């Protein structure tokens, strides 16, 4: 997707007035790294929508191994606002046309692609060709072929690739993964995950435009539900069967509103997901041999909450985005595990495509064939 589409997108969601007012009302912050700059990697955010504005940029004020070094935007008004608030030098501010010249900027080590789904592949590939490590927001791309192209570009350039899957770095999700690995409650026999919200306030939002989003609730919130049943069982599914429902077709004209899907696993476990842009839902539940565990909410920013048949879970919570970006920086700096590699994003898109194909064929069972550890990271 070219820059003209991004400009149209900017006009649709936030042309600067509301965001500028909220940013200017906040305390002045600095993006300069703490301590020795050589020990921190510079991140450039590509796309300055609400997620970058209210989650990623504030998190980068507290990160230990990376910092906000640059921005890429198609809105000139945002350049001035961000430069002033975060003390970003003019040399580290780019637009979508001159983006490729970022290759010459030694301040920027990582490019974080935070754009509409249709632009993930283009800018991830351009970032890799510029010699920058890449974080790509979910979903990874519009289809599996684009995922392959991103992975190849990063491999060819010798740069690291990570997904913006923040939950893998936060303690409640890590505890669920520990339960599964150590069989704290025995084997998982049944798992269910729901992820959705009511999206009725803006019919012109880009997520309802199939050319920009590639799909609806499944491409957006459904990825959380798919992720949940996988790390909640420790297995990749071997099949999926899916159904789609629409209760407001006049509003969700191009994209899916509500989808349910049933999964089978090699161990014999079964799972269900529900994802929606018209239903509030945020839960993971697993029934095991000797008890159960649950996260509710399971995928909000903070606070998460968890319970088990042995009692409640209670962890110190901080910015998931901070933890996620620091984890990726540590992967680059110290060869720490890549908690959410590109293969994980590709695996999830394979499942998304299988769900859409099942729906298109009237709820047909779709086999899935993954290597046991494919997409689980280091």
Protein backbone atom coordinates (compact mmCIF):
# COMPACT_ATOMS: atom_id res chain seq x y z
CA UNK A 1 0.00 0.00 0.00
CA UNK A 2 1.51 3.33 -1.04
CA UNK A 3 1.77 6.59 0.84
CA UNK A 4 -1.36 8.04 -0.72
CA UNK A 5 -3.39 5.39 1.09
CA UNK A 6 -1.68 6.27 4.34
CA UNK A 7 -2.60 9.95 3.84
CA UNK A 8 -6.24 9.00 3.35
CA UNK A 9 -5.98 6.89 6.49
CA UNK A 10 -4.60 9.83 8.44
CA UNK A 11 -7.51 11.98 7.32
CA UNK A 12 -9.97 9.34 8.51
CA UNK A 13 -8.77 8.76 12.04
CA UNK A 14 -6.83 11.68 13.47
CA UNK A 15 -5.69 14.72 11.56
CA UNK A 16 -3.97 16.11 14.59
CA UNK A 17 -6.36 18.38 16.43
CA UNK A 18 -7.60 16.08 19.19
CA UNK A 19 -4.29 14.27 19.50
CA UNK A 20 -2.39 17.54 19.59
CA UNK A 21 -4.55 18.89 22.37
CA UNK A 22 -4.10 15.77 24.48
CA UNK A 23 -0.36 15.61 23.89
CA UNK A 24 0.22 19.27 24.64
CA UNK A 25 -1.75 18.91 27.87
CA UNK A 26 0.59 16.18 29.09
CA UNK A 27 3.84 16.83 30.98
CA UNK A 28 6.89 17.34 28.80
CA UNK A 29 8.86 14.10 28.46
CA UNK A 30 12.25 13.35 27.00
CA UNK A 31 13.14 10.45 24.70
CA UNK A 32 16.84 10.66 25.50
CA UNK A 33 18.20 7.32 26.75
CA UNK A 34 19.08 6.89 30.38
CA UNK A 35 22.76 6.41 31.12
CA UNK A 36 25.09 5.23 28.40
CA UNK A 37 23.39 5.55 25.03
CA UNK A 38 25.58 2.79 23.60
CA UNK A 39 23.72 0.30 25.78
CA UNK A 40 20.29 1.29 24.46
CA UNK A 41 18.88 0.69 21.00
CA UNK A 42 17.04 3.45 19.17
CA UNK A 43 13.49 2.68 18.03
CA UNK A 44 11.61 4.54 15.30
CA UNK A 45 7.83 4.29 15.41
CA UNK A 46 6.27 4.07 11.96
CA UNK A 47 2.71 5.37 12.24
CA UNK A 48 1.63 7.70 15.03
CA UNK A 49 -1.95 6.59 15.66
CA UNK A 50 -3.46 5.97 19.07
CA UNK A 51 -1.37 2.89 19.89
CA UNK A 52 1.92 4.68 19.28
CA UNK A 53 0.65 7.84 20.98
CA UNK A 54 -0.83 6.41 24.16
CA UNK A 55 0.99 3.09 24.62
CA UNK A 56 4.30 2.71 22.81
CA UNK A 57 5.79 6.18 23.15
CA UNK A 58 5.02 6.49 26.89
CA UNK A 59 6.43 2.99 27.43
CA UNK A 60 9.66 4.03 25.72
CA UNK A 61 10.17 6.62 28.45
CA UNK A 62 10.74 3.77 30.93
CA UNK A 63 12.47 1.09 28.87
CA UNK A 64 15.94 -0.02 30.00
CA UNK A 65 17.42 -1.30 26.75
CA UNK A 66 15.81 0.86 24.05
CA UNK A 67 14.48 4.40 23.62
CA UNK A 68 12.39 6.50 21.24
CA UNK A 69 14.91 7.71 18.66
CA UNK A 70 12.73 8.61 15.68
CA UNK A 71 9.30 8.77 14.09
CA UNK A 72 7.77 8.21 10.67
CA UNK A 73 4.47 9.93 9.89
CA UNK A 74 2.44 11.28 6.99
CA UNK A 75 1.04 14.16 9.03
CA UNK A 76 3.29 17.26 9.24
CA UNK A 77 1.42 18.57 12.30
CA UNK A 78 2.40 15.44 14.22
CA UNK A 79 6.07 15.95 13.37
CA UNK A 80 6.10 19.23 15.31
CA UNK A 81 4.10 17.88 18.26
CA UNK A 82 6.26 14.77 18.71
CA UNK A 83 9.52 16.59 18.13
CA UNK A 84 8.67 19.07 20.88
CA UNK A 85 7.35 16.58 23.37
CA UNK A 86 10.00 13.90 22.96
CA UNK A 87 12.97 16.05 21.95
CA UNK A 88 13.35 14.18 18.66
CA UNK A 89 15.90 15.83 16.34
CA UNK A 90 14.76 16.83 12.87
CA UNK A 91 17.25 14.38 11.36
CA UNK A 92 15.32 11.51 12.97
CA UNK A 93 11.89 12.48 11.60
CA UNK A 94 10.75 10.82 8.39
CA UNK A 95 7.67 10.56 6.19
CA UNK A 96 6.51 7.70 4.02
CA UNK A 97 8.29 8.96 0.91
CA UNK A 98 11.76 9.49 2.36
CA UNK A 99 11.54 6.52 4.73
CA UNK A 100 14.21 4.49 2.92
CA UNK A 101 16.86 7.08 3.78
CA UNK A 102 16.57 5.83 7.37
CA UNK A 103 19.28 3.38 6.34
CA UNK A 104 21.86 6.13 6.86
CA UNK A 105 20.72 6.97 10.39
CA UNK A 106 22.93 5.38 13.04
CA UNK A 107 20.61 6.55 15.85
CA UNK A 108 17.91 4.12 14.73
CA UNK A 109 18.42 0.39 15.24
CA UNK A 110 14.82 -0.89 15.28
CA UNK A 111 11.82 0.07 13.19
CA UNK A 112 8.44 -0.64 14.80
CA UNK A 113 5.71 -0.87 12.13
CA UNK A 114 2.45 0.40 13.66
CA UNK A 115 0.39 0.94 10.50
CA UNK A 116 -2.85 -0.44 9.04
CA UNK A 117 -2.54 -4.13 8.23
CA UNK A 118 -2.28 -3.54 4.48
CA UNK A 119 0.98 -1.63 5.02
CA UNK A 120 2.75 -4.07 7.35
CA UNK A 121 4.52 -6.02 4.62
CA UNK A 122 5.66 -3.00 2.65
CA UNK A 123 7.23 -1.14 5.55
CA UNK A 124 8.62 -4.22 7.29
CA UNK A 125 10.40 -5.17 4.08
CA UNK A 126 11.61 -1.61 3.48
CA UNK A 127 12.90 -1.44 7.05
CA UNK A 128 14.79 -4.72 6.64
CA UNK A 129 16.33 -3.55 3.37
CA UNK A 130 17.43 -0.41 5.20
CA UNK A 131 19.35 -2.66 7.59
CA UNK A 132 17.07 -2.10 10.59
CA UNK A 133 15.69 -4.72 12.95
CA UNK A 134 11.91 -4.99 12.69
CA UNK A 135 8.99 -5.21 15.10
CA UNK A 136 5.71 -5.72 13.22
CA UNK A 137 2.36 -5.17 14.88
CA UNK A 138 -0.29 -7.87 14.71
CA UNK A 139 -1.57 -9.30 12.50
CA UNK A 140 1.71 -9.83 10.73
CA UNK A 141 0.31 -9.18 7.26
CA UNK A 142 -2.70 -9.52 4.99
CA UNK A 143 -1.92 -13.14 4.10
CA UNK A 144 0.66 -15.90 4.48
CA UNK A 145 2.50 -14.96 1.29
CA UNK A 146 3.20 -11.51 2.73
CA UNK A 147 4.43 -13.12 5.96
CA UNK A 148 6.89 -15.19 3.92
CA UNK A 149 8.08 -12.06 2.12
CA UNK A 150 8.73 -10.25 5.42
CA UNK A 151 10.62 -13.21 6.89
CA UNK A 152 12.73 -13.57 3.73
CA UNK A 153 13.57 -9.85 3.66
CA UNK A 154 14.75 -9.93 7.27
CA UNK A 155 16.77 -13.11 6.73
CA UNK A 156 18.37 -11.72 3.58
CA UNK A 157 19.31 -8.50 5.38
CA UNK A 158 20.57 -10.29 8.49
CA UNK A 159 18.24 -8.38 10.81
CA UNK A 160 16.04 -9.58 13.66
CA UNK A 161 12.26 -9.82 13.31
CA UNK A 162 9.76 -9.74 16.16
CA UNK A 163 6.00 -9.51 16.42
CA UNK A 164 4.23 -6.90 18.55
CA UNK A 165 2.81 -9.65 20.78
CA UNK A 166 3.13 -7.84 24.10
CA UNK A 167 1.45 -10.52 26.21
CA UNK A 168 4.37 -12.93 25.92
CA UNK A 169 6.41 -10.55 28.07
CA UNK A 170 3.90 -10.00 30.88
CA UNK A 171 3.78 -12.16 34.05
CA UNK A 172 0.22 -13.56 33.92
CA UNK A 173 0.73 -14.98 30.44
CA UNK A 174 4.14 -16.29 31.43
CA UNK A 175 2.55 -18.02 34.42
CA UNK A 176 0.02 -19.74 32.18
CA UNK A 177 2.87 -20.95 29.99
CA UNK A 178 4.62 -22.26 33.11
CA UNK A 179 1.46 -24.14 34.21
CA UNK A 180 1.39 -25.88 30.85
CA UNK A 181 5.10 -26.66 30.68
CA UNK A 182 5.28 -28.03 34.22
CA UNK A 183 1.82 -29.65 34.10
CA UNK A 184 0.89 -27.88 37.32
CA UNK A 185 -2.73 -29.01 36.91
CA UNK A 186 -2.03 -32.00 34.69
CA UNK A 187 -2.90 -32.13 31.02
CA UNK A 188 -5.23 -29.58 29.46
CA UNK A 189 -8.39 -31.21 28.09
CA UNK A 190 -10.52 -28.20 27.19
CA UNK A 191 -9.63 -24.58 26.55
CA UNK A 192 -11.67 -21.57 25.50
CA UNK A 193 -10.66 -18.01 24.67
CA UNK A 194 -12.84 -14.99 23.87
CA UNK A 195 -11.60 -11.63 22.59
CA UNK A 196 -13.86 -8.83 21.42
CA UNK A 197 -15.24 -5.35 21.93
CA UNK A 198 -18.08 -3.21 20.60
CA UNK A 199 -16.89 -1.15 17.65
CA UNK A 200 -19.89 1.01 16.81
CA UNK A 201 -18.68 4.60 17.27
CA UNK A 202 -16.96 5.24 13.93
CA UNK A 203 -18.19 3.56 10.73
CA UNK A 204 -15.30 5.18 8.81
CA UNK A 205 -12.49 3.64 10.87
CA UNK A 206 -9.83 1.81 8.91
CA UNK A 207 -10.52 -1.50 10.66
CA UNK A 208 -13.90 -1.62 8.86
CA UNK A 209 -12.25 -1.04 5.48
CA UNK A 210 -11.28 -4.44 4.11
CA UNK A 211 -8.66 -2.98 1.77
CA UNK A 212 -6.79 -1.62 4.78
CA UNK A 213 -7.56 -4.30 7.37
CA UNK A 214 -7.81 -7.51 5.33
CA UNK A 215 -10.66 -8.65 7.58
CA UNK A 216 -12.58 -7.73 10.69
CA UNK A 217 -12.69 -9.08 14.22
CA UNK A 218 -10.62 -12.16 13.38
CA UNK A 219 -7.67 -10.16 12.02
CA UNK A 220 -7.85 -7.81 14.98
CA UNK A 221 -9.00 -9.39 18.25
CA UNK A 222 -9.09 -12.96 16.97
CA UNK A 223 -5.31 -13.13 16.97
CA UNK A 224 -5.38 -12.77 20.78
CA UNK A 225 -7.82 -15.66 21.10
CA UNK A 226 -5.77 -17.87 18.76
CA UNK A 227 -2.63 -17.05 20.70
CA UNK A 228 -4.37 -17.85 24.01
CA UNK A 229 -5.44 -21.37 23.13
CA UNK A 230 -1.97 -22.15 21.77
CA UNK A 231 0.10 -21.00 24.75
CA UNK A 232 -2.70 -22.25 27.01
CA UNK A 233 -2.19 -25.81 25.72
CA UNK A 234 1.46 -25.62 24.67
CA UNK A 235 0.44 -27.10 21.31
CA UNK A 236 -0.30 -26.02 17.79
CA UNK A 237 -3.77 -27.13 16.61
CA UNK A 238 -4.20 -29.92 14.08
CA UNK A 239 -7.55 -28.74 12.72
CA UNK A 240 -10.09 -25.93 12.85
CA UNK A 241 -13.79 -25.58 12.02
CA UNK A 242 -15.37 -22.13 11.98
CA UNK A 243 -18.62 -20.16 11.70
CA UNK A 244 -19.39 -16.47 11.12
CA UNK A 245 -22.31 -14.46 12.51
CA UNK A 246 -23.54 -10.97 11.71
CA UNK A 247 -26.16 -9.15 13.74
CA UNK A 248 -25.46 -5.70 12.29
CA UNK A 249 -24.69 -6.14 8.58
CA UNK A 250 -25.61 -2.53 7.91
CA UNK A 251 -22.64 -1.45 10.04
CA UNK A 252 -20.14 -4.25 9.35
CA UNK A 253 -20.53 -4.07 5.59
CA UNK A 254 -17.11 -5.30 4.47
CA UNK A 255 -15.59 -7.10 7.43
CA UNK A 256 -16.49 -9.97 9.75
CA UNK A 257 -18.35 -9.03 12.92
CA UNK A 258 -18.35 -12.23 15.02
CA UNK A 259 -16.56 -15.53 14.43
CA UNK A 260 -16.50 -18.76 16.43
CA UNK A 261 -14.06 -21.61 15.81
CA UNK A 262 -13.37 -25.05 17.22
CA UNK A 263 -9.88 -26.57 17.40
CA UNK A 264 -8.44 -30.04 17.84
CA UNK A 265 -4.98 -30.77 19.27
CA UNK A 266 -2.66 -33.76 18.93
CA UNK A 267 -2.93 -34.48 22.67
CA UNK A 268 -6.70 -34.90 22.38
CA UNK A 269 -7.47 -31.49 23.86
CA UNK A 270 -10.22 -29.44 22.23
CA UNK A 271 -10.63 -25.69 22.17
CA UNK A 272 -13.06 -22.94 21.24
CA UNK A 273 -12.57 -19.29 20.42
CA UNK A 274 -14.99 -16.42 19.91
CA UNK A 275 -13.96 -13.07 18.53
CA UNK A 276 -16.13 -10.07 17.76
CA UNK A 277 -16.32 -6.38 16.96
CA UNK A 278 -19.82 -6.30 18.47
CA UNK A 279 -19.43 -8.25 21.75
CA UNK A 280 -17.34 -7.40 24.79
CA UNK A 281 -15.22 -10.42 25.72
CA UNK A 282 -11.78 -10.96 27.23
CA UNK A 283 -11.15 -14.36 28.81
CA UNK A 284 -9.01 -17.49 28.76
CA UNK A 285 -10.10 -20.64 30.61
CA UNK A 286 -8.55 -24.12 30.66
CA UNK A 287 -9.84 -27.30 32.30
CA UNK A 288 -7.16 -29.83 33.23
CA UNK A 289 -6.71 -33.22 34.89
CA UNK A 290 -6.39 -31.82 38.39
CA UNK A 291 -7.89 -28.36 38.28
CA UNK A 292 -8.23 -25.29 36.09
CA UNK A 293 -6.71 -21.90 35.36
CA UNK A 294 -8.24 -18.70 34.06
CA UNK A 295 -7.26 -15.18 32.98
CA UNK A 296 -10.08 -12.63 33.00
CA UNK A 297 -9.29 -10.15 31.59
CA UNK A 298 -6.74 -11.99 29.49
CA UNK A 299 -5.52 -9.51 26.88
CA UNK A 300 -6.14 -5.93 28.01
CA UNK A 301 -3.16 -3.64 28.53
CA UNK A 302 -3.47 -3.53 32.34
CA UNK A 303 -4.63 -4.73 34.71
CA UNK A 304 -4.93 -8.43 33.93
CA UNK A 305 -6.35 -10.81 36.52
CA UNK A 306 -6.01 -14.54 37.02
CA UNK A 307 -7.37 -17.38 39.11
CA UNK A 308 -6.78 -21.09 39.42
CA UNK A 309 -8.43 -23.96 41.25
CA UNK A 310 -5.73 -23.38 43.89
CA UNK A 311 -6.51 -19.70 44.35
CA UNK A 312 -5.93 -16.27 42.77
CA UNK A 313 -2.87 -15.10 40.86
CA UNK A 314 -1.25 -11.85 41.88
CA UNK A 315 1.67 -10.28 40.01
CA UNK A 316 3.16 -6.82 39.89
CA UNK A 317 2.00 -5.25 36.66
CA UNK A 318 3.69 -2.63 34.53
CA UNK A 319 3.52 -1.54 30.92
CA UNK A 320 3.32 -4.63 28.72
CA UNK A 321 4.72 -2.56 25.85
CA UNK A 322 7.76 -1.63 27.95
CA UNK A 323 8.41 -5.28 28.77
CA UNK A 324 7.86 -6.35 25.15
CA UNK A 325 10.21 -3.78 23.60
CA UNK A 326 12.89 -4.40 26.22
CA UNK A 327 12.66 -8.13 25.57
CA UNK A 328 13.22 -7.58 21.84
CA UNK A 329 16.13 -5.23 22.53
CA UNK A 330 17.68 -7.86 24.81
CA UNK A 331 17.26 -10.41 22.03
CA UNK A 332 19.38 -8.18 19.79
CA UNK A 333 21.89 -7.04 22.38
CA UNK A 334 22.41 -10.19 24.42
CA UNK A 335 20.98 -12.99 22.27
CA UNK A 336 18.14 -13.43 24.77
CA UNK A 337 15.11 -15.45 23.57
CA UNK A 338 12.94 -13.94 20.86
CA UNK A 339 9.58 -14.29 22.61
CA UNK A 340 7.52 -13.53 19.49
CA UNK A 341 9.45 -14.28 16.28
CA UNK A 342 8.22 -13.88 12.73
CA UNK A 343 7.35 -17.58 12.49
CA UNK A 344 4.80 -17.02 15.25
CA UNK A 345 3.10 -14.29 13.22
CA UNK A 346 3.12 -16.54 10.15
CA UNK A 347 1.65 -19.47 12.08
CA UNK A 348 -1.21 -17.32 13.32
CA UNK A 349 -1.92 -16.07 9.80
CA UNK A 350 -2.01 -19.68 8.55
CA UNK A 351 -4.70 -20.33 11.16
CA UNK A 352 -6.58 -17.14 10.26
CA UNK A 353 -6.65 -18.19 6.61
CA UNK A 354 -7.86 -21.68 7.56
CA UNK A 355 -10.70 -20.13 9.59
CA UNK A 356 -11.79 -17.95 6.69
CA UNK A 357 -11.59 -20.94 4.33
CA UNK A 358 -13.69 -23.06 6.70
CA UNK A 359 -16.37 -20.36 6.79
CA UNK A 360 -16.30 -19.99 3.00
CA UNK A 361 -16.89 -23.75 2.67
CA UNK A 362 -19.83 -23.86 5.04
CA UNK A 363 -18.01 -24.80 8.23
CA UNK A 364 -15.77 -27.49 6.76
CA UNK A 365 -13.07 -28.98 9.00
CA UNK A 366 -9.69 -27.67 7.90
CA UNK A 367 -6.59 -29.77 8.75
CA UNK A 368 -3.55 -27.87 10.02
CA UNK A 369 -0.05 -29.29 9.69
CA UNK A 370 2.60 -27.60 11.84
CA UNK A 371 5.91 -28.83 13.13
CA UNK A 372 5.43 -29.25 16.92
CA UNK A 373 7.53 -26.22 17.88
CA UNK A 374 6.76 -23.99 14.89
CA UNK A 375 5.94 -20.47 15.99
CA UNK A 376 6.77 -20.93 19.68
CA UNK A 377 9.90 -18.79 19.67
CA UNK A 378 13.23 -19.40 21.31
